[in-house]
Amino acid sequence: MSAEQGRVLVVDDEVLNRTLISTDLQEAGFQVALAENGDDALMGLRAQEFDVVLLDLSMPGMDGLEVLKRMKADPRLQHLPVIVLATIDEMDRVVQCVERGATDHLSKPFNPVLLHARIHAALADRRLHEQEELYRQDLERRVWEKTQDVQRSYERLQRALDGTVHALSSVVEMRDPYTAGHQQRVTVLACAIAQEMHLPDDQIEGIRVAGLLHDIGKICVPAEILSKPGRIQETEFNIIKGHPRVGHDILAKISFPWPVARFVLQHHEAMDGSG
């Protein structure tokens, strides 16, 4: 709002009324524009900014009620304060205007002091709405920024998790060169089956992580057994068979968003639960 009291559009089909109101408001420090009918009013409202509208209810052609309806249907004008000017016998239509969103009304003939008071009250409502709108926009901006921060943090954590998972998987394959690439192949196959079953993306991600880590328990199997050429002994095989339990115990201490440790524990079970 400028240094003047405010910008007022006066809409009235009678020249005398427009002149009297305009003169009074200009002397009080308001910027005033005039419109003699509803069409001119809507054209002026869309061409420049106003702080309040004084709207005559009874006009030929498009009356004040129709102008108000069109203003409330326009997102750019719907919050603009409207004070309806009407005679005492038009109260039923004034009520309709208030129900349609008019800010206030004045009965003709009106007292200039009361006119100024009503305008100042309407301007105060407008300033309050503008402040609320600025606060809403600022709040939306802050929420968006925080959301972006959270998203970036999540992506960093996701990259760290992926790096950790691949590092653990690589440790196992470095100790067991005979099965190098095995965990990646199992992962690709398991994820392909999960996609074919139309499982949710989040569940498929859990299967991917479990696939990459399913042999992590082999880290506790002596390297000479893992890399031993030829047939291994029964005692050595029994040590290898314990790697799902070892893997489970290692991963159970990590708070994955999926039951990775349980996947690892069960990855050598048969369909009937044996194994």
Protein backbone atom coordinates (compact mmCIF):
# COMPACT_ATOMS: atom_id res chain seq x y z
CA MET A 1 0.00 0.00 0.00
CA SER A 2 1.33 3.47 -0.90
CA ALA A 3 1.80 6.47 1.37
CA GLU A 4 -1.80 7.51 0.69
CA GLN A 5 -4.64 5.99 2.70
CA GLY A 6 -5.33 3.40 0.00
CA ARG A 7 -6.59 2.86 -3.53
CA VAL A 8 -10.38 2.87 -3.85
CA LEU A 9 -12.52 1.98 -6.86
CA VAL A 10 -15.94 3.68 -6.75
CA VAL A 11 -18.57 1.94 -8.88
CA ASP A 12 -21.84 3.87 -9.29
CA ASP A 13 -23.98 4.67 -12.33
CA GLU A 14 -24.99 8.10 -10.98
CA VAL A 15 -22.53 10.90 -11.77
CA LEU A 16 -23.42 12.93 -8.68
CA ASN A 17 -22.76 10.01 -6.32
CA ARG A 18 -19.43 9.24 -7.98
CA THR A 19 -18.38 12.88 -7.79
CA LEU A 20 -19.36 13.36 -4.13
CA ILE A 21 -17.68 10.13 -2.98
CA SER A 22 -14.55 10.75 -5.06
CA THR A 23 -14.12 14.30 -3.82
CA ASP A 24 -14.60 13.30 -0.19
CA LEU A 25 -12.16 10.38 -0.36
CA GLN A 26 -9.49 12.33 -2.23
CA GLU A 27 -9.62 15.07 0.39
CA ALA A 28 -9.13 12.34 3.01
CA GLY A 29 -5.97 11.13 1.24
CA PHE A 30 -7.29 8.18 -0.76
CA GLN A 31 -6.41 7.43 -4.38
CA VAL A 32 -9.71 7.12 -6.24
CA ALA A 33 -10.72 5.61 -9.57
CA LEU A 34 -14.27 5.67 -10.97
CA ALA A 35 -16.44 3.22 -12.91
CA GLU A 36 -20.00 3.95 -14.07
CA ASN A 37 -21.13 0.35 -14.62
CA GLY A 38 -20.28 -3.28 -13.88
CA ASP A 39 -18.36 -3.90 -17.10
CA ASP A 40 -16.11 -0.87 -16.55
CA ALA A 41 -15.58 -1.96 -12.94
CA LEU A 42 -14.37 -5.44 -13.86
CA MET A 43 -12.17 -4.03 -16.61
CA GLY A 44 -10.58 -1.58 -14.17
CA LEU A 45 -10.08 -4.23 -11.51
CA ARG A 46 -8.20 -6.42 -13.95
CA ALA A 47 -6.10 -3.54 -15.25
CA GLN A 48 -4.75 -2.17 -11.95
CA GLU A 49 -4.47 -2.86 -8.24
CA PHE A 50 -7.02 -1.61 -5.71
CA ASP A 51 -7.34 -1.97 -1.95
CA VAL A 52 -11.12 -1.69 -1.61
CA VAL A 53 -14.20 -1.39 -3.85
CA LEU A 54 -17.28 0.74 -3.14
CA LEU A 55 -19.95 -1.02 -5.18
CA ASP A 56 -23.41 0.39 -5.91
CA LEU A 57 -25.99 -2.38 -5.76
CA SER A 58 -28.55 -1.01 -8.25
CA MET A 59 -27.09 -0.30 -11.67
CA PRO A 60 -28.49 -0.83 -15.19
CA GLY A 61 -27.08 -3.82 -17.06
CA MET A 62 -24.73 -5.70 -14.76
CA ASP A 63 -25.80 -4.85 -11.22
CA GLY A 64 -23.65 -4.87 -8.09
CA LEU A 65 -24.58 -8.42 -7.10
CA GLU A 66 -23.43 -9.79 -10.47
CA VAL A 67 -20.18 -7.81 -10.27
CA LEU A 68 -19.58 -9.29 -6.80
CA LYS A 69 -20.23 -12.83 -8.07
CA ARG A 70 -17.69 -12.39 -10.85
CA MET A 71 -15.12 -10.92 -8.49
CA LYS A 72 -15.45 -13.86 -6.09
CA ALA A 73 -15.04 -16.27 -9.03
CA ASP A 74 -11.74 -14.63 -10.03
CA PRO A 75 -8.74 -15.84 -7.92
CA ARG A 76 -7.04 -12.46 -8.37
CA LEU A 77 -10.05 -10.50 -7.07
CA GLN A 78 -11.81 -12.83 -4.65
CA HIS A 79 -10.03 -11.46 -1.56
CA LEU A 80 -10.50 -7.78 -2.44
CA PRO A 81 -12.74 -6.04 0.15
CA VAL A 82 -16.11 -4.92 -1.25
CA ILE A 83 -18.41 -2.43 0.50
CA VAL A 84 -21.92 -2.48 -0.99
CA LEU A 85 -23.82 0.80 -1.34
CA ALA A 86 -27.62 0.40 -1.19
CA THR A 87 -30.82 2.11 -0.17
CA ILE A 88 -32.68 1.06 2.96
CA ASP A 89 -35.33 -0.82 0.96
CA GLU A 90 -32.69 -3.04 -0.68
CA MET A 91 -31.70 -4.92 2.48
CA ASP A 92 -32.76 -8.33 1.10
CA ARG A 93 -30.31 -7.93 -1.76
CA VAL A 94 -27.67 -6.59 0.63
CA VAL A 95 -27.98 -9.83 2.60
CA GLN A 96 -27.38 -11.76 -0.64
CA CYS A 97 -24.22 -9.72 -1.22
CA VAL A 98 -22.96 -10.43 2.30
CA GLU A 99 -23.65 -14.13 1.74
CA ARG A 100 -21.66 -13.90 -1.50
CA GLY A 101 -18.66 -12.45 0.35
CA ALA A 102 -19.17 -8.69 0.56
CA THR A 103 -17.09 -7.22 3.36
CA ASP A 104 -19.59 -4.61 4.54
CA HIS A 105 -22.43 -2.32 3.39
CA LEU A 106 -23.53 1.30 3.70
CA SER A 107 -27.06 2.62 3.39
CA LYS A 108 -27.71 5.61 1.15
CA PRO A 109 -27.49 8.44 1.97
CA PHE A 110 -24.43 7.76 4.14
CA ASN A 111 -22.39 9.77 6.60
CA PRO A 112 -18.84 10.55 5.37
CA VAL A 113 -17.38 9.73 8.80
CA LEU A 114 -19.06 6.32 8.72
CA LEU A 115 -17.87 5.82 5.14
CA HIS A 116 -14.26 6.47 6.19
CA ALA A 117 -14.62 4.13 9.17
CA ARG A 118 -15.96 1.31 7.01
CA ILE A 119 -13.18 1.79 4.45
CA HIS A 120 -10.48 1.78 7.12
CA ALA A 121 -11.95 -1.41 8.61
CA ALA A 122 -11.98 -3.04 5.16
CA LEU A 123 -8.38 -1.97 4.55
CA ALA A 124 -7.36 -3.45 7.91
CA ASP A 125 -8.96 -6.76 6.87
CA ARG A 126 -7.09 -6.61 3.57
CA ARG A 127 -3.76 -5.96 5.28
CA LEU A 128 -4.44 -8.87 7.62
CA HIS A 129 -5.19 -11.14 4.66
CA GLU A 130 -2.01 -9.98 2.89
CA GLN A 131 0.03 -10.73 6.01
CA GLU A 132 -1.58 -14.16 6.29
CA GLU A 133 -0.83 -14.82 2.63
CA LEU A 134 2.81 -13.78 3.06
CA TYR A 135 3.05 -16.01 6.13
CA ARG A 136 1.51 -18.92 4.21
CA GLN A 137 3.94 -18.45 1.32
CA ASP A 138 6.89 -18.21 3.72
CA LEU A 139 5.71 -21.34 5.53
CA GLU A 140 5.35 -23.23 2.24
CA ARG A 141 8.86 -22.12 1.24
CA ARG A 142 10.31 -23.28 4.55
CA VAL A 143 8.50 -26.61 4.34
CA TRP A 144 9.79 -27.07 0.79
CA GLU A 145 13.35 -26.25 1.87
CA LYS A 146 13.14 -28.64 4.84
CA THR A 147 11.71 -31.32 2.57
CA GLN A 148 14.62 -30.85 0.20
CA ASP A 149 17.06 -31.07 3.12
CA VAL A 150 15.43 -34.29 4.32
CA GLN A 151 15.49 -35.69 0.79
CA ARG A 152 19.19 -34.89 0.40
CA SER A 153 19.93 -36.42 3.81
CA TYR A 154 18.01 -39.53 2.85
CA GLU A 155 19.92 -39.82 -0.42
CA ARG A 156 23.23 -39.46 1.41
CA LEU A 157 22.22 -42.16 3.88
CA GLN A 158 21.06 -44.36 1.02
CA ARG A 159 24.42 -43.97 -0.72
CA ALA A 160 26.23 -44.71 2.54
CA LEU A 161 24.09 -47.82 3.07
CA ASP A 162 24.71 -49.02 -0.48
CA GLY A 163 28.44 -48.44 -0.09
CA THR A 164 28.50 -50.35 3.20
CA VAL A 165 26.49 -53.24 1.78
CA HIS A 166 28.75 -53.55 -1.26
CA ALA A 167 31.87 -53.30 0.91
CA LEU A 168 30.66 -56.15 3.16
CA SER A 169 29.72 -58.20 0.13
CA SER A 170 33.16 -57.65 -1.40
CA VAL A 171 34.91 -58.78 1.78
CA VAL A 172 33.22 -62.18 1.56
CA GLU A 173 34.03 -62.63 -2.12
CA MET A 174 37.67 -61.67 -1.55
CA ARG A 175 37.92 -64.50 1.01
CA ASP A 176 36.07 -66.96 -1.22
CA PRO A 177 37.31 -66.48 -4.80
CA TYR A 178 35.69 -69.77 -5.84
CA THR A 179 32.24 -68.18 -5.55
CA ALA A 180 33.25 -64.68 -6.72
CA GLY A 181 30.21 -62.92 -8.22
CA HIS A 182 27.83 -65.40 -6.59
CA GLN A 183 26.12 -62.85 -4.33
CA GLN A 184 25.58 -60.41 -7.20
CA ARG A 185 24.11 -63.18 -9.38
CA VAL A 186 21.78 -64.28 -6.58
CA THR A 187 20.73 -60.66 -6.09
CA VAL A 188 19.91 -60.12 -9.77
CA LEU A 189 17.92 -63.36 -9.93
CA ALA A 190 16.02 -62.72 -6.68
CA CYS A 191 15.08 -59.17 -7.72
CA ALA A 192 13.93 -60.38 -11.14
CA ILE A 193 11.66 -62.95 -9.48
CA ALA A 194 10.34 -60.30 -7.07
CA GLN A 195 9.55 -57.95 -9.96
CA GLU A 196 7.78 -60.73 -11.82
CA MET A 197 5.68 -61.29 -8.67
CA HIS A 198 4.85 -57.53 -8.69
CA LEU A 199 6.18 -57.03 -5.17
CA PRO A 200 6.39 -53.41 -3.91
CA ASP A 201 9.58 -51.50 -4.75
CA ASP A 202 10.51 -51.15 -1.08
CA GLN A 203 10.26 -54.92 -0.57
CA ILE A 204 12.36 -55.54 -3.68
CA GLU A 205 15.01 -53.20 -2.28
CA GLY A 206 15.10 -55.28 0.91
CA ILE A 207 15.55 -58.43 -1.19
CA ARG A 208 18.39 -56.74 -3.08
CA VAL A 209 20.24 -55.88 0.14
CA ALA A 210 19.65 -59.36 1.57
CA GLY A 211 20.91 -60.92 -1.67
CA LEU A 212 24.15 -58.98 -1.55
CA LEU A 213 24.74 -59.97 2.09
CA HIS A 214 23.32 -63.48 2.25
CA ASP A 215 26.76 -65.10 2.53
CA ILE A 216 28.24 -62.56 4.97
CA GLY A 217 28.50 -65.36 7.57
CA LYS A 218 31.30 -66.94 5.54
CA ILE A 219 33.57 -64.26 6.98
CA CYS A 220 33.96 -66.57 9.98
CA VAL A 221 34.81 -69.63 7.87
CA PRO A 222 38.58 -70.20 7.69
CA ALA A 223 40.00 -69.12 4.34
CA GLU A 224 41.77 -72.47 3.88
CA ILE A 225 38.39 -74.21 3.88
CA LEU A 226 36.79 -71.71 1.46
CA SER A 227 39.69 -71.96 -0.99
CA LYS A 228 40.45 -75.66 -0.48
CA PRO A 229 40.70 -77.52 -3.81
CA GLY A 230 38.87 -80.80 -4.14
CA ARG A 231 36.40 -82.39 -1.74
CA ILE A 232 36.13 -80.99 1.80
CA GLN A 233 35.74 -83.12 4.91
CA GLU A 234 32.47 -83.47 6.84
CA THR A 235 33.76 -81.39 9.77
CA GLU A 236 34.72 -78.64 7.37
CA PHE A 237 31.31 -78.80 5.67
CA ASN A 238 29.61 -78.50 9.07
CA ILE A 239 31.57 -75.29 9.68
CA ILE A 240 30.40 -73.90 6.32
CA LYS A 241 26.79 -74.87 7.08
CA GLY A 242 26.88 -72.59 10.11
CA HIS A 243 27.39 -69.45 8.04
CA PRO A 244 23.64 -68.51 7.82
CA ARG A 245 23.44 -68.35 11.62
CA VAL A 246 26.68 -66.38 11.83
CA GLY A 247 25.42 -63.98 9.13
CA HIS A 248 22.15 -63.55 10.99
CA ASP A 249 23.93 -62.73 14.24
CA ILE A 250 26.12 -60.14 12.49
CA LEU A 251 23.26 -58.41 10.68
CA ALA A 252 20.74 -58.60 13.54
CA LYS A 253 22.70 -55.80 15.22
CA ILE A 254 22.02 -53.46 12.25
CA SER A 255 18.68 -51.62 12.07
CA PHE A 256 17.79 -52.26 8.45
CA PRO A 257 14.32 -51.16 7.30
CA TRP A 258 13.84 -54.75 6.08
CA PRO A 259 14.21 -58.14 7.82
CA VAL A 260 17.61 -58.73 6.20
CA ALA A 261 18.96 -60.82 9.08
CA ARG A 262 15.98 -63.20 8.85
CA PHE A 263 16.47 -63.52 5.08
CA VAL A 264 20.09 -64.46 5.64
CA LEU A 265 19.24 -66.97 8.37
CA GLN A 266 16.75 -68.77 6.15
CA HIS A 267 18.52 -68.66 2.80
CA HIS A 268 19.55 -72.35 2.89
CA GLU A 269 16.20 -73.69 4.07
CA ALA A 270 14.16 -75.90 1.80
CA MET A 271 10.58 -75.03 0.88
CA ASP A 272 9.30 -77.37 3.61
CA GLY A 273 11.39 -75.57 6.26
CA SER A 274 14.09 -78.21 6.45
CA GLY A 275 17.70 -77.64 5.53
